[in-house]
Amino acid sequence: MRKMAEQESMASMQSAANLAWANGQADMVHSPPHYNQAGIECIDAIRAATDGGYEYYLQGNIIKYLWRYRYKNGVEDLEKAKWYLEKLIEEIENE
């Protein structure tokens, strides 16, 4: 019974996130709804899974978004590169 309630709650949260995205209210740079499933942020799962490779993952995403900004999403991609750069700076400062 509890698991069913948790699943319904997660589905409700996801529906709300999807609705916000559809209405243009979601923050597609800092908290895109499609990167949060079951209350787990994708970036946190990647950090846990990559361990020592996490910094390289962040660096790769910085390069990716800088590389494509002129051809895909413009300023939004530059904001994403900045977001990953800030994460990388935090990671280095906390070592």
PDB file of N, CA and C in Angstrom:
ATOM      1  N   MET A   1       0.824  -1.189   0.000  1.00  0.00           N
ATOM      2  CA  MET A   1       0.000   0.000   0.000  1.00  0.00           C
ATOM      3  C   MET A   1       0.873   1.260   0.000  1.00  0.00           C
ATOM      4  N   ARG A   2       1.934   1.267   0.818  1.00  0.00           N
ATOM      5  CA  ARG A   2       2.811   2.428   0.914  1.00  0.00           C
ATOM      6  C   ARG A   2       3.533   2.659  -0.407  1.00  0.00           C
ATOM      7  N   LYS A   3       4.005   1.575  -1.029  1.00  0.00           N
ATOM      8  CA  LYS A   3       4.706   1.698  -2.301  1.00  0.00           C
ATOM      9  C   LYS A   3       3.789   2.289  -3.367  1.00  0.00           C
ATOM     10  N   MET A   4       2.541   1.884  -3.366  1.00  0.00           N
ATOM     11  CA  MET A   4       1.571   2.401  -4.317  1.00  0.00           C
ATOM     12  C   MET A   4       1.368   3.906  -4.114  1.00  0.00           C
ATOM     13  N   ALA A   5       1.295   4.338  -2.868  1.00  0.00           N
ATOM     14  CA  ALA A   5       1.134   5.763  -2.557  1.00  0.00           C
ATOM     15  C   ALA A   5       2.360   6.549  -3.009  1.00  0.00           C
ATOM     16  N   GLU A   6       3.551   5.978  -2.804  1.00  0.00           N
ATOM     17  CA  GLU A   6       4.784   6.633  -3.241  1.00  0.00           C
ATOM     18  C   GLU A   6       4.806   6.769  -4.761  1.00  0.00           C
ATOM     19  N   GLN A   7       4.396   5.719  -5.463  1.00  0.00           N
ATOM     20  CA  GLN A   7       4.373   5.771  -6.926  1.00  0.00           C
ATOM     21  C   GLN A   7       3.385   6.817  -7.424  1.00  0.00           C
ATOM     22  N   GLU A   8       2.232   6.897  -6.781  1.00  0.00           N
ATOM     23  CA  GLU A   8       1.237   7.899  -7.156  1.00  0.00           C
ATOM     24  C   GLU A   8       1.770   9.303  -6.895  1.00  0.00           C
ATOM     25  N   SER A   9       2.467   9.481  -5.781  1.00  0.00           N
ATOM     26  CA  SER A   9       3.041  10.777  -5.436  1.00  0.00           C
ATOM     27  C   SER A   9       4.105  11.168  -6.463  1.00  0.00           C
ATOM     28  N   MET A  10       4.971  10.218  -6.833  1.00  0.00           N
ATOM     29  CA  MET A  10       6.006  10.494  -7.825  1.00  0.00           C
ATOM     30  C   MET A  10       5.380  10.831  -9.173  1.00  0.00           C
ATOM     31  N   ALA A  11       4.354  10.091  -9.556  1.00  0.00           N
ATOM     32  CA  ALA A  11       3.671  10.351 -10.823  1.00  0.00           C
ATOM     33  C   ALA A  11       3.040  11.740 -10.800  1.00  0.00           C
ATOM     34  N   SER A  12       2.489  12.125  -9.672  1.00  0.00           N
ATOM     35  CA  SER A  12       1.884  13.449  -9.525  1.00  0.00           C
ATOM     36  C   SER A  12       2.942  14.540  -9.663  1.00  0.00           C
ATOM     37  N   MET A  13       4.107  14.350  -9.027  1.00  0.00           N
ATOM     38  CA  MET A  13       5.190  15.322  -9.126  1.00  0.00           C
ATOM     39  C   MET A  13       5.666  15.440 -10.565  1.00  0.00           C
ATOM     40  N   GLN A  14       5.801  14.302 -11.244  1.00  0.00           N
ATOM     41  CA  GLN A  14       6.259  14.320 -12.624  1.00  0.00           C
ATOM     42  C   GLN A  14       5.237  15.002 -13.523  1.00  0.00           C
ATOM     43  N   SER A  15       3.955  14.740 -13.276  1.00  0.00           N
ATOM     44  CA  SER A  15       2.905  15.391 -14.061  1.00  0.00           C
ATOM     45  C   SER A  15       2.956  16.905 -13.874  1.00  0.00           C
ATOM     46  N   ALA A  16       3.177  17.355 -12.664  1.00  0.00           N
ATOM     47  CA  ALA A  16       3.274  18.785 -12.388  1.00  0.00           C
ATOM     48  C   ALA A  16       4.483  19.390 -13.097  1.00  0.00           C
ATOM     49  N   ALA A  17       5.604  18.668 -13.083  1.00  0.00           N
ATOM     50  CA  ALA A  17       6.813  19.141 -13.768  1.00  0.00           C
ATOM     51  C   ALA A  17       6.594  19.208 -15.273  1.00  0.00           C
ATOM     52  N   ASN A  18       5.950  18.197 -15.817  1.00  0.00           N
ATOM     53  CA  ASN A  18       5.666  18.186 -17.253  1.00  0.00           C
ATOM     54  C   ASN A  18       4.732  19.326 -17.632  1.00  0.00           C
ATOM     55  N   LEU A  19       3.747  19.602 -16.799  1.00  0.00           N
ATOM     56  CA  LEU A  19       2.814  20.692 -17.057  1.00  0.00           C
ATOM     57  C   LEU A  19       3.541  22.034 -17.023  1.00  0.00           C
ATOM     58  N   ALA A  20       4.416  22.219 -16.056  1.00  0.00           N
ATOM     59  CA  ALA A  20       5.193  23.454 -15.969  1.00  0.00           C
ATOM     60  C   ALA A  20       6.046  23.631 -17.215  1.00  0.00           C
ATOM     61  N   TRP A  21       6.655  22.549 -17.673  1.00  0.00           N
ATOM     62  CA  TRP A  21       7.469  22.602 -18.884  1.00  0.00           C
ATOM     63  C   TRP A  21       6.616  22.963 -20.092  1.00  0.00           C
ATOM     64  N   ALA A  22       5.466  22.336 -20.222  1.00  0.00           N
ATOM     65  CA  ALA A  22       4.570  22.585 -21.348  1.00  0.00           C
ATOM     66  C   ALA A  22       4.083  24.029 -21.348  1.00  0.00           C
ATOM     67  N   ASN A  23       3.910  24.622 -20.179  1.00  0.00           N
ATOM     68  CA  ASN A  23       3.440  26.001 -20.069  1.00  0.00           C
ATOM     69  C   ASN A  23       4.575  27.019 -20.109  1.00  0.00           C
ATOM     70  N   GLY A  24       5.806  26.538 -20.337  1.00  0.00           N
ATOM     71  CA  GLY A  24       6.950  27.435 -20.409  1.00  0.00           C
ATOM     72  C   GLY A  24       7.394  27.967 -19.065  1.00  0.00           C
ATOM     73  N   GLN A  25       7.008  27.307 -17.979  1.00  0.00           N
ATOM     74  CA  GLN A  25       7.345  27.777 -16.639  1.00  0.00           C
ATOM     75  C   GLN A  25       8.532  27.041 -16.028  1.00  0.00           C
ATOM     76  N   ALA A  26       9.008  25.993 -16.673  1.00  0.00           N
ATOM     77  CA  ALA A  26      10.107  25.209 -16.118  1.00  0.00           C
ATOM     78  C   ALA A  26      11.439  25.905 -16.393  1.00  0.00           C
ATOM     79  N   ASP A  27      12.363  25.775 -15.474  1.00  0.00           N
ATOM     80  CA  ASP A  27      13.713  26.300 -15.635  1.00  0.00           C
ATOM     81  C   ASP A  27      14.534  25.238 -16.353  1.00  0.00           C
ATOM     82  N   MET A  28      14.691  25.406 -17.657  1.00  0.00           N
ATOM     83  CA  MET A  28      15.344  24.387 -18.473  1.00  0.00           C
ATOM     84  C   MET A  28      16.862  24.397 -18.327  1.00  0.00           C
ATOM     85  N   VAL A  29      17.407  25.349 -17.588  1.00  0.00           N
ATOM     86  CA  VAL A  29      18.849  25.389 -17.358  1.00  0.00           C
ATOM     87  C   VAL A  29      19.192  24.786 -16.000  1.00  0.00           C
ATOM     88  N   HIS A  30      18.562  25.278 -14.953  1.00  0.00           N
ATOM     89  CA  HIS A  30      18.940  24.879 -13.599  1.00  0.00           C
ATOM     90  C   HIS A  30      18.178  23.673 -13.059  1.00  0.00           C
ATOM     91  N   SER A  31      16.996  23.420 -13.580  1.00  0.00           N
ATOM     92  CA  SER A  31      16.208  22.313 -13.046  1.00  0.00           C
ATOM     93  C   SER A  31      15.192  21.806 -14.067  1.00  0.00           C
ATOM     94  N   PRO A  32      15.679  21.272 -15.198  1.00  0.00           N
ATOM     95  CA  PRO A  32      14.738  20.756 -16.189  1.00  0.00           C
ATOM     96  C   PRO A  32      13.978  19.552 -15.622  1.00  0.00           C
ATOM     97  N   PRO A  33      12.665  19.531 -15.771  1.00  0.00           N
ATOM     98  CA  PRO A  33      11.878  18.462 -15.145  1.00  0.00           C
ATOM     99  C   PRO A  33      12.237  17.067 -15.645  1.00  0.00           C
ATOM    100  N   HIS A  34      12.718  16.955 -16.863  1.00  0.00           N
ATOM    101  CA  HIS A  34      13.047  15.630 -17.390  1.00  0.00           C
ATOM    102  C   HIS A  34      14.344  15.068 -16.803  1.00  0.00           C
ATOM    103  N   TYR A  35      15.066  15.842 -15.996  1.00  0.00           N
ATOM    104  CA  TYR A  35      16.265  15.356 -15.331  1.00  0.00           C
ATOM    105  C   TYR A  35      16.028  15.009 -13.866  1.00  0.00           C
ATOM    106  N   ASN A  36      14.774  14.931 -13.459  1.00  0.00           N
ATOM    107  CA  ASN A  36      14.444  14.558 -12.090  1.00  0.00           C
ATOM    108  C   ASN A  36      13.361  13.489 -12.141  1.00  0.00           C
ATOM    109  N   GLN A  37      13.728  12.295 -11.763  1.00  0.00           N
ATOM    110  CA  GLN A  37      12.782  11.185 -11.743  1.00  0.00           C
ATOM    111  C   GLN A  37      12.769  10.591 -10.347  1.00  0.00           C
ATOM    112  N   ALA A  38      11.600  10.380  -9.831  1.00  0.00           N
ATOM    113  CA  ALA A  38      11.425   9.771  -8.511  1.00  0.00           C
ATOM    114  C   ALA A  38      12.170  10.555  -7.426  1.00  0.00           C
ATOM    115  N   GLY A  39      12.277  11.862  -7.614  1.00  0.00           N
ATOM    116  CA  GLY A  39      12.922  12.705  -6.623  1.00  0.00           C
ATOM    117  C   GLY A  39      14.443  12.660  -6.662  1.00  0.00           C
ATOM    118  N   ILE A  40      15.001  12.053  -7.694  1.00  0.00           N
ATOM    119  CA  ILE A  40      16.458  11.951  -7.823  1.00  0.00           C
ATOM    120  C   ILE A  40      16.897  12.781  -9.018  1.00  0.00           C
ATOM    121  N   GLU A  41      17.785  13.720  -8.774  1.00  0.00           N
ATOM    122  CA  GLU A  41      18.333  14.525  -9.856  1.00  0.00           C
ATOM    123  C   GLU A  41      19.352  13.684 -10.620  1.00  0.00           C
ATOM    124  N   CYS A  42      19.287  13.754 -11.921  1.00  0.00           N
ATOM    125  CA  CYS A  42      20.195  12.996 -12.781  1.00  0.00           C
ATOM    126  C   CYS A  42      21.666  13.306 -12.453  1.00  0.00           C
ATOM    127  N   ILE A  43      21.980  14.571 -12.228  1.00  0.00           N
ATOM    128  CA  ILE A  43      23.368  14.961 -11.946  1.00  0.00           C
ATOM    129  C   ILE A  43      23.882  14.267 -10.686  1.00  0.00           C
ATOM    130  N   ASP A  44      23.023  14.062  -9.688  1.00  0.00           N
ATOM    131  CA  ASP A  44      23.431  13.379  -8.460  1.00  0.00           C
ATOM    132  C   ASP A  44      23.686  11.899  -8.719  1.00  0.00           C
ATOM    133  N   ALA A  45      22.861  11.286  -9.554  1.00  0.00           N
ATOM    134  CA  ALA A  45      23.068   9.876  -9.907  1.00  0.00           C
ATOM    135  C   ALA A  45      24.359   9.710 -10.702  1.00  0.00           C
ATOM    136  N   ILE A  46      24.627  10.646 -11.611  1.00  0.00           N
ATOM    137  CA  ILE A  46      25.861  10.585 -12.407  1.00  0.00           C
ATOM    138  C   ILE A  46      27.074  10.759 -11.503  1.00  0.00           C
ATOM    139  N   ARG A  47      27.003  11.687 -10.563  1.00  0.00           N
ATOM    140  CA  ARG A  47      28.133  11.901  -9.639  1.00  0.00           C
ATOM    141  C   ARG A  47      28.420  10.628  -8.849  1.00  0.00           C
ATOM    142  N   ALA A  48      27.376   9.988  -8.364  1.00  0.00           N
ATOM    143  CA  ALA A  48      27.554   8.761  -7.587  1.00  0.00           C
ATOM    144  C   ALA A  48      28.119   7.633  -8.453  1.00  0.00           C
ATOM    145  N   ALA A  49      27.699   7.573  -9.702  1.00  0.00           N
ATOM    146  CA  ALA A  49      28.117   6.478 -10.581  1.00  0.00           C
ATOM    147  C   ALA A  49      29.512   6.667 -11.154  1.00  0.00           C
ATOM    148  N   THR A  50      29.951   7.912 -11.321  1.00  0.00           N
ATOM    149  CA  THR A  50      31.232   8.154 -11.988  1.00  0.00           C
ATOM    150  C   THR A  50      32.395   8.355 -11.041  1.00  0.00           C
ATOM    151  N   ASP A  51      32.121   8.633  -9.778  1.00  0.00           N
ATOM    152  CA  ASP A  51      33.155   8.796  -8.765  1.00  0.00           C
ATOM    153  C   ASP A  51      34.249   9.741  -9.256  1.00  0.00           C
ATOM    154  N   GLY A  52      35.449   9.238  -9.492  1.00  0.00           N
ATOM    155  CA  GLY A  52      36.583  10.070  -9.898  1.00  0.00           C
ATOM    156  C   GLY A  52      36.432  10.665 -11.286  1.00  0.00           C
ATOM    157  N   GLY A  53      35.535  10.144 -12.087  1.00  0.00           N
ATOM    158  CA  GLY A  53      35.334  10.660 -13.437  1.00  0.00           C
ATOM    159  C   GLY A  53      34.346  11.805 -13.514  1.00  0.00           C
ATOM    160  N   TYR A  54      33.773  12.176 -12.383  1.00  0.00           N
ATOM    161  CA  TYR A  54      32.738  13.215 -12.360  1.00  0.00           C
ATOM    162  C   TYR A  54      33.249  14.544 -12.916  1.00  0.00           C
ATOM    163  N   GLU A  55      34.461  14.934 -12.552  1.00  0.00           N
ATOM    164  CA  GLU A  55      35.017  16.196 -13.054  1.00  0.00           C
ATOM    165  C   GLU A  55      35.136  16.164 -14.574  1.00  0.00           C
ATOM    166  N   TYR A  56      35.518  15.011 -15.127  1.00  0.00           N
ATOM    167  CA  TYR A  56      35.636  14.889 -16.577  1.00  0.00           C
ATOM    168  C   TYR A  56      34.267  14.959 -17.244  1.00  0.00           C
ATOM    169  N   TYR A  57      33.270  14.404 -16.587  1.00  0.00           N
ATOM    170  CA  TYR A  57      31.900  14.486 -17.087  1.00  0.00           C
ATOM    171  C   TYR A  57      31.463  15.954 -17.171  1.00  0.00           C
ATOM    172  N   LEU A  58      31.717  16.702 -16.095  1.00  0.00           N
ATOM    173  CA  LEU A  58      31.355  18.120 -16.077  1.00  0.00           C
ATOM    174  C   LEU A  58      32.096  18.876 -17.174  1.00  0.00           C
ATOM    175  N   GLN A  59      33.381  18.609 -17.310  1.00  0.00           N
ATOM    176  CA  GLN A  59      34.190  19.271 -18.318  1.00  0.00           C
ATOM    177  C   GLN A  59      33.662  18.958 -19.723  1.00  0.00           C
ATOM    178  N   GLY A  60      33.304  17.720 -19.955  1.00  0.00           N
ATOM    179  CA  GLY A  60      32.767  17.329 -21.254  1.00  0.00           C
ATOM    180  C   GLY A  60      31.482  18.069 -21.586  1.00  0.00           C
ATOM    181  N   ASN A  61      30.614  18.254 -20.595  1.00  0.00           N
ATOM    182  CA  ASN A  61      29.369  18.977 -20.840  1.00  0.00           C
ATOM    183  C   ASN A  61      29.617  20.458 -21.083  1.00  0.00           C
ATOM    184  N   ILE A  62      30.592  21.026 -20.411  1.00  0.00           N
ATOM    185  CA  ILE A  62      30.943  22.426 -20.659  1.00  0.00           C
ATOM    186  C   ILE A  62      31.352  22.581 -22.124  1.00  0.00           C
ATOM    187  N   ILE A  63      32.225  21.703 -22.583  1.00  0.00           N
ATOM    188  CA  ILE A  63      32.686  21.755 -23.972  1.00  0.00           C
ATOM    189  C   ILE A  63      31.519  21.565 -24.934  1.00  0.00           C
ATOM    190  N   LYS A  64      30.658  20.585 -24.643  1.00  0.00           N
ATOM    191  CA  LYS A  64      29.516  20.302 -25.518  1.00  0.00           C
ATOM    192  C   LYS A  64      28.634  21.532 -25.702  1.00  0.00           C
ATOM    193  N   TYR A  65      28.256  22.175 -24.604  1.00  0.00           N
ATOM    194  CA  TYR A  65      27.348  23.307 -24.707  1.00  0.00           C
ATOM    195  C   TYR A  65      28.007  24.524 -25.339  1.00  0.00           C
ATOM    196  N   LEU A  66      29.298  24.724 -25.101  1.00  0.00           N
ATOM    197  CA  LEU A  66      30.001  25.813 -25.771  1.00  0.00           C
ATOM    198  C   LEU A  66      30.118  25.534 -27.266  1.00  0.00           C
ATOM    199  N   TRP A  67      30.334  24.285 -27.610  1.00  0.00           N
ATOM    200  CA  TRP A  67      30.515  23.880 -28.997  1.00  0.00           C
ATOM    201  C   TRP A  67      29.250  24.135 -29.820  1.00  0.00           C
ATOM    202  N   ARG A  68      28.098  23.857 -29.258  1.00  0.00           N
ATOM    203  CA  ARG A  68      26.872  23.858 -30.057  1.00  0.00           C
ATOM    204  C   ARG A  68      26.002  25.106 -29.930  1.00  0.00           C
ATOM    205  N   TYR A  69      26.349  26.045 -29.040  1.00  0.00           N
ATOM    206  CA  TYR A  69      25.420  27.145 -28.754  1.00  0.00           C
ATOM    207  C   TYR A  69      25.026  27.941 -29.994  1.00  0.00           C
ATOM    208  N   ARG A  70      25.920  28.110 -30.948  1.00  0.00           N
ATOM    209  CA  ARG A  70      25.600  28.892 -32.151  1.00  0.00           C
ATOM    210  C   ARG A  70      24.627  28.174 -33.077  1.00  0.00           C
ATOM    211  N   TYR A  71      24.550  26.857 -32.925  1.00  0.00           N
ATOM    212  CA  TYR A  71      23.793  26.052 -33.878  1.00  0.00           C
ATOM    213  C   TYR A  71      22.511  25.452 -33.315  1.00  0.00           C
ATOM    214  N   LYS A  72      22.341  25.518 -32.003  1.00  0.00           N
ATOM    215  CA  LYS A  72      21.178  24.859 -31.430  1.00  0.00           C
ATOM    216  C   LYS A  72      20.340  25.802 -30.580  1.00  0.00           C
ATOM    217  N   ASN A  73      20.740  26.070 -29.341  1.00  0.00           N
ATOM    218  CA  ASN A  73      19.872  26.799 -28.409  1.00  0.00           C
ATOM    219  C   ASN A  73      20.412  28.153 -27.967  1.00  0.00           C
ATOM    220  N   GLY A  74      21.445  28.646 -28.608  1.00  0.00           N
ATOM    221  CA  GLY A  74      21.951  29.986 -28.302  1.00  0.00           C
ATOM    222  C   GLY A  74      22.286  30.202 -26.840  1.00  0.00           C
ATOM    223  N   VAL A  75      21.716  31.251 -26.265  1.00  0.00           N
ATOM    224  CA  VAL A  75      22.015  31.657 -24.888  1.00  0.00           C
ATOM    225  C   VAL A  75      21.681  30.549 -23.894  1.00  0.00           C
ATOM    226  N   GLU A  76      20.628  29.775 -24.157  1.00  0.00           N
ATOM    227  CA  GLU A  76      20.290  28.683 -23.227  1.00  0.00           C
ATOM    228  C   GLU A  76      21.455  27.706 -23.104  1.00  0.00           C
ATOM    229  N   ASP A  77      22.123  27.383 -24.210  1.00  0.00           N
ATOM    230  CA  ASP A  77      23.277  26.491 -24.136  1.00  0.00           C
ATOM    231  C   ASP A  77      24.448  27.147 -23.404  1.00  0.00           C
ATOM    232  N   LEU A  78      24.626  28.454 -23.570  1.00  0.00           N
ATOM    233  CA  LEU A  78      25.681  29.147 -22.816  1.00  0.00           C
ATOM    234  C   LEU A  78      25.376  29.120 -21.325  1.00  0.00           C
ATOM    235  N   GLU A  79      24.109  29.259 -20.964  1.00  0.00           N
ATOM    236  CA  GLU A  79      23.710  29.167 -19.550  1.00  0.00           C
ATOM    237  C   GLU A  79      23.971  27.760 -19.012  1.00  0.00           C
ATOM    238  N   LYS A  80      23.726  26.749 -19.829  1.00  0.00           N
ATOM    239  CA  LYS A  80      23.990  25.375 -19.395  1.00  0.00           C
ATOM    240  C   LYS A  80      25.482  25.156 -19.206  1.00  0.00           C
ATOM    241  N   ALA A  81      26.307  25.684 -20.128  1.00  0.00           N
ATOM    242  CA  ALA A  81      27.761  25.577 -19.974  1.00  0.00           C
ATOM    243  C   ALA A  81      28.198  26.243 -18.676  1.00  0.00           C
ATOM    244  N   LYS A  82      27.618  27.389 -18.386  1.00  0.00           N
ATOM    245  CA  LYS A  82      27.922  28.117 -17.144  1.00  0.00           C
ATOM    246  C   LYS A  82      27.513  27.289 -15.922  1.00  0.00           C
ATOM    247  N   TRP A  83      26.348  26.645 -16.006  1.00  0.00           N
ATOM    248  CA  TRP A  83      25.872  25.816 -14.901  1.00  0.00           C
ATOM    249  C   TRP A  83      26.858  24.689 -14.606  1.00  0.00           C
ATOM    250  N   TYR A  84      27.311  24.016 -15.661  1.00  0.00           N
ATOM    251  CA  TYR A  84      28.278  22.930 -15.480  1.00  0.00           C
ATOM    252  C   TYR A  84      29.629  23.467 -14.998  1.00  0.00           C
ATOM    253  N   LEU A  85      30.016  24.636 -15.461  1.00  0.00           N
ATOM    254  CA  LEU A  85      31.267  25.242 -14.998  1.00  0.00           C
ATOM    255  C   LEU A  85      31.186  25.557 -13.505  1.00  0.00           C
ATOM    256  N   GLU A  86      30.050  26.076 -13.062  1.00  0.00           N
ATOM    257  CA  GLU A  86      29.878  26.360 -11.640  1.00  0.00           C
ATOM    258  C   GLU A  86      29.932  25.070 -10.811  1.00  0.00           C
ATOM    259  N   LYS A  87      29.346  23.992 -11.336  1.00  0.00           N
ATOM    260  CA  LYS A  87      29.423  22.690 -10.649  1.00  0.00           C
ATOM    261  C   LYS A  87      30.877  22.222 -10.567  1.00  0.00           C
ATOM    262  N   LEU A  88      31.627  22.395 -11.646  1.00  0.00           N
ATOM    263  CA  LEU A  88      33.023  21.970 -11.660  1.00  0.00           C
ATOM    264  C   LEU A  88      33.846  22.799 -10.669  1.00  0.00           C
ATOM    265  N   ILE A  89      33.605  24.078 -10.622  1.00  0.00           N
ATOM    266  CA  ILE A  89      34.312  24.937  -9.653  1.00  0.00           C
ATOM    267  C   ILE A  89      34.004  24.499  -8.228  1.00  0.00           C
ATOM    268  N   GLU A  90      32.738  24.237  -7.938  1.00  0.00           N
ATOM    269  CA  GLU A  90      32.345  23.735  -6.597  1.00  0.00           C
ATOM    270  C   GLU A  90      33.082  22.446  -6.271  1.00  0.00           C
ATOM    271  N   GLU A  91      33.139  21.556  -7.238  1.00  0.00           N
ATOM    272  CA  GLU A  91      33.790  20.252  -7.033  1.00  0.00           C
ATOM    273  C   GLU A  91      35.267  20.425  -6.710  1.00  0.00           C
ATOM    274  N   ILE A  92      35.942  21.272  -7.436  1.00  0.00           N
ATOM    275  CA  ILE A  92      37.379  21.507  -7.231  1.00  0.00           C
ATOM    276  C   ILE A  92      37.614  22.194  -5.886  1.00  0.00           C
ATOM    277  N   GLU A  93      36.773  23.174  -5.556  1.00  0.00           N
ATOM    278  CA  GLU A  93      36.930  23.890  -4.285  1.00  0.00           C
ATOM    279  C   GLU A  93      36.686  22.982  -3.074  1.00  0.00           C
ATOM    280  N   ASN A  94      35.853  21.979  -3.241  1.00  0.00           N
ATOM    281  CA  ASN A  94      35.515  21.085  -2.124  1.00  0.00           C
ATOM    282  C   ASN A  94      36.465  19.896  -1.986  1.00  0.00           C
ATOM    283  N   GLU A  95      37.458  19.814  -2.844  1.00  0.00           N
ATOM    284  CA  GLU A  95      38.421  18.698  -2.742  1.00  0.00           C
ATOM    285  C   GLU A  95      39.374  18.901  -1.584  1.00  0.00           C
TER     286      GLU A  95
END
